[in-house]
N, C-alpha and C. Protein backbone atom coordinates (compact mmCIF):
# COMPACT_ATOMS: atom_id res chain seq x y z
N MET A 1 104.51 157.84 11.22
CA MET A 1 103.17 157.30 11.32
C MET A 1 102.48 157.41 9.96
N SER A 2 102.73 158.49 9.27
CA SER A 2 102.13 158.67 7.96
C SER A 2 102.67 157.61 6.98
N TYR A 3 103.98 157.38 7.05
CA TYR A 3 104.61 156.38 6.19
C TYR A 3 103.97 155.01 6.41
N LEU A 4 103.71 154.67 7.65
CA LEU A 4 103.16 153.36 7.98
C LEU A 4 101.63 153.33 7.91
N ALA A 5 101.00 154.47 7.70
CA ALA A 5 99.54 154.58 7.63
C ALA A 5 98.90 154.05 8.92
N ILE A 6 99.42 154.53 10.05
CA ILE A 6 98.89 154.11 11.35
C ILE A 6 98.58 155.35 12.20
N GLU A 7 97.76 155.16 13.21
CA GLU A 7 97.46 156.23 14.14
C GLU A 7 98.11 156.02 15.49
N ASN A 8 98.51 154.81 15.79
CA ASN A 8 99.13 154.50 17.07
C ASN A 8 100.54 155.09 17.10
N ALA A 9 100.81 155.93 18.09
CA ALA A 9 102.10 156.61 18.16
C ALA A 9 103.06 155.97 19.16
N ARG A 10 102.82 154.74 19.54
CA ARG A 10 103.74 154.07 20.48
C ARG A 10 105.03 153.74 19.74
N TRP A 11 106.14 154.20 20.28
CA TRP A 11 107.42 154.10 19.59
C TRP A 11 107.85 152.68 19.30
N GLY A 12 107.64 151.77 20.23
CA GLY A 12 108.05 150.38 20.01
C GLY A 12 107.33 149.76 18.82
N GLY A 13 106.05 150.02 18.72
CA GLY A 13 105.27 149.49 17.60
C GLY A 13 105.68 150.10 16.28
N ILE A 14 105.95 151.40 16.29
CA ILE A 14 106.40 152.07 15.07
C ILE A 14 107.74 151.50 14.63
N LYS A 15 108.66 151.39 15.57
CA LYS A 15 110.00 150.88 15.25
C LYS A 15 109.94 149.49 14.63
N ARG A 16 109.12 148.62 15.19
CA ARG A 16 109.04 147.25 14.66
C ARG A 16 108.51 147.20 13.24
N ARG A 17 107.72 148.17 12.85
CA ARG A 17 107.14 148.16 11.51
C ARG A 17 108.01 148.83 10.46
N LEU A 18 109.04 149.51 10.87
CA LEU A 18 109.93 150.18 9.92
C LEU A 18 110.93 149.18 9.33
N PRO A 19 111.22 149.32 8.04
CA PRO A 19 112.26 148.47 7.44
C PRO A 19 113.64 148.97 7.87
N GLN A 20 114.62 148.09 7.76
CA GLN A 20 116.01 148.50 8.00
C GLN A 20 116.45 149.36 6.84
N PRO A 21 117.32 150.31 6.97
CA PRO A 21 118.01 150.77 8.16
C PRO A 21 117.20 151.79 8.97
N TYR A 22 115.97 152.06 8.55
CA TYR A 22 115.16 153.08 9.23
C TYR A 22 114.87 152.71 10.68
N ARG A 23 114.74 151.46 10.94
CA ARG A 23 114.45 151.01 12.31
C ARG A 23 115.57 151.43 13.27
N ASN A 24 116.81 151.22 12.86
CA ASN A 24 117.94 151.59 13.71
C ASN A 24 118.04 153.10 13.88
N GLU A 25 117.80 153.83 12.81
CA GLU A 25 117.84 155.29 12.90
C GLU A 25 116.75 155.81 13.84
N PHE A 26 115.55 155.26 13.72
CA PHE A 26 114.45 155.66 14.58
C PHE A 26 114.79 155.38 16.04
N GLU A 27 115.39 154.25 16.30
CA GLU A 27 115.78 153.90 17.66
C GLU A 27 116.83 154.89 18.19
N GLU A 28 117.75 155.31 17.33
CA GLU A 28 118.75 156.30 17.74
C GLU A 28 118.07 157.62 18.11
N PHE A 29 117.08 158.03 17.34
CA PHE A 29 116.35 159.26 17.66
C PHE A 29 115.69 159.15 19.04
N ILE A 30 115.01 158.07 19.28
CA ILE A 30 114.30 157.90 20.55
C ILE A 30 115.29 157.83 21.71
N ASN A 31 116.35 157.05 21.55
CA ASN A 31 117.34 156.91 22.63
C ASN A 31 118.00 158.24 22.98
N THR A 32 118.28 159.04 21.98
CA THR A 32 118.96 160.31 22.25
C THR A 32 117.97 161.40 22.64
N LEU A 33 116.99 161.63 21.79
CA LEU A 33 116.11 162.79 21.98
C LEU A 33 115.12 162.61 23.12
N HIS A 34 114.69 161.42 23.36
CA HIS A 34 113.72 161.21 24.43
C HIS A 34 114.37 160.74 25.73
N ILE A 35 115.28 159.80 25.63
CA ILE A 35 115.85 159.21 26.84
C ILE A 35 117.06 160.02 27.34
N ASP A 36 118.07 160.20 26.49
CA ASP A 36 119.28 160.90 26.93
C ASP A 36 119.02 162.36 27.27
N TYR A 37 118.22 163.04 26.46
CA TYR A 37 117.99 164.48 26.65
C TYR A 37 116.85 164.79 27.60
N PHE A 38 116.12 163.82 28.10
CA PHE A 38 115.00 164.08 28.99
C PHE A 38 115.49 164.78 30.26
N GLY A 39 115.21 166.08 30.34
CA GLY A 39 115.63 166.86 31.50
C GLY A 39 117.13 167.07 31.60
N ASN A 40 117.87 166.70 30.57
CA ASN A 40 119.34 166.77 30.61
C ASN A 40 119.84 167.29 29.26
N TYR A 41 119.44 168.49 28.92
CA TYR A 41 119.82 169.05 27.62
C TYR A 41 121.31 169.33 27.56
N PRO A 42 121.91 169.18 26.39
CA PRO A 42 123.33 169.48 26.26
C PRO A 42 123.59 170.98 26.45
N ALA A 43 124.81 171.32 26.84
CA ALA A 43 125.17 172.73 27.06
C ALA A 43 124.98 173.55 25.79
N ASN A 44 125.30 172.97 24.67
CA ASN A 44 125.15 173.65 23.37
C ASN A 44 123.83 173.22 22.72
N TYR A 45 122.74 173.42 23.45
CA TYR A 45 121.44 172.89 23.02
C TYR A 45 120.97 173.44 21.67
N GLU A 46 121.31 174.68 21.34
CA GLU A 46 120.88 175.21 20.04
C GLU A 46 121.57 174.47 18.90
N GLU A 47 122.84 174.21 19.05
CA GLU A 47 123.60 173.46 18.04
C GLU A 47 123.07 172.03 17.95
N ALA A 48 122.84 171.42 19.10
CA ALA A 48 122.31 170.05 19.12
C ALA A 48 120.93 170.00 18.47
N PHE A 49 120.09 171.00 18.76
CA PHE A 49 118.76 171.03 18.16
C PHE A 49 118.86 171.06 16.64
N GLU A 50 119.70 171.92 16.10
CA GLU A 50 119.86 172.02 14.64
C GLU A 50 120.35 170.71 14.05
N LYS A 51 121.32 170.09 14.70
CA LYS A 51 121.86 168.81 14.22
C LYS A 51 120.74 167.76 14.14
N TRP A 52 120.00 167.61 15.24
CA TRP A 52 118.96 166.59 15.27
C TRP A 52 117.78 166.95 14.39
N HIS A 53 117.48 168.22 14.28
CA HIS A 53 116.40 168.66 13.38
C HIS A 53 116.71 168.25 11.95
N GLU A 54 117.94 168.49 11.52
CA GLU A 54 118.35 168.11 10.17
C GLU A 54 118.31 166.60 9.98
N LYS A 55 118.78 165.85 10.97
CA LYS A 55 118.78 164.39 10.86
C LYS A 55 117.36 163.83 10.76
N VAL A 56 116.46 164.34 11.59
CA VAL A 56 115.07 163.86 11.57
C VAL A 56 114.39 164.28 10.28
N GLU A 57 114.64 165.51 9.83
CA GLU A 57 114.05 165.98 8.58
C GLU A 57 114.50 165.11 7.40
N ASP A 58 115.77 164.78 7.35
CA ASP A 58 116.30 163.91 6.30
C ASP A 58 115.66 162.52 6.38
N PHE A 59 115.52 162.00 7.57
CA PHE A 59 114.89 160.70 7.80
C PHE A 59 113.46 160.68 7.24
N VAL A 60 112.71 161.71 7.57
CA VAL A 60 111.31 161.78 7.11
C VAL A 60 111.26 161.90 5.59
N ARG A 61 112.13 162.70 5.02
CA ARG A 61 112.16 162.84 3.54
C ARG A 61 112.45 161.50 2.87
N ARG A 62 113.42 160.76 3.41
CA ARG A 62 113.76 159.47 2.82
C ARG A 62 112.60 158.48 2.94
N LEU A 63 111.93 158.51 4.08
CA LEU A 63 110.75 157.64 4.24
C LEU A 63 109.66 158.03 3.25
N GLU A 64 109.43 159.31 3.10
CA GLU A 64 108.42 159.77 2.14
C GLU A 64 108.78 159.33 0.73
N GLY A 65 110.06 159.42 0.39
CA GLY A 65 110.53 159.00 -0.93
C GLY A 65 110.30 157.51 -1.15
N MET A 66 110.51 156.70 -0.12
CA MET A 66 110.26 155.26 -0.22
C MET A 66 108.78 154.98 -0.44
N ARG A 67 107.97 155.72 0.26
CA ARG A 67 106.51 155.51 0.19
C ARG A 67 105.98 155.80 -1.20
N LYS A 68 106.55 156.75 -1.89
CA LYS A 68 106.09 157.16 -3.23
C LYS A 68 106.52 156.19 -4.31
N LYS A 69 107.48 155.33 -4.01
CA LYS A 69 107.98 154.38 -5.04
C LYS A 69 107.02 153.24 -5.26
């Protein structure tokens, strides 16, 4: 949201405004973290959390880097 300078947090709207390949990555985050994991956490949830935390953190850093250019 900060990258796009918007306040609306609706995922569909955010996704449409992201450039590729960020749009596809964002969709993967939503599909896995919100839809697949909703009430159905993996057995190795701590490991999964670390994996996704790193992926999202990297995603945000890359977006921030693009914004500064």
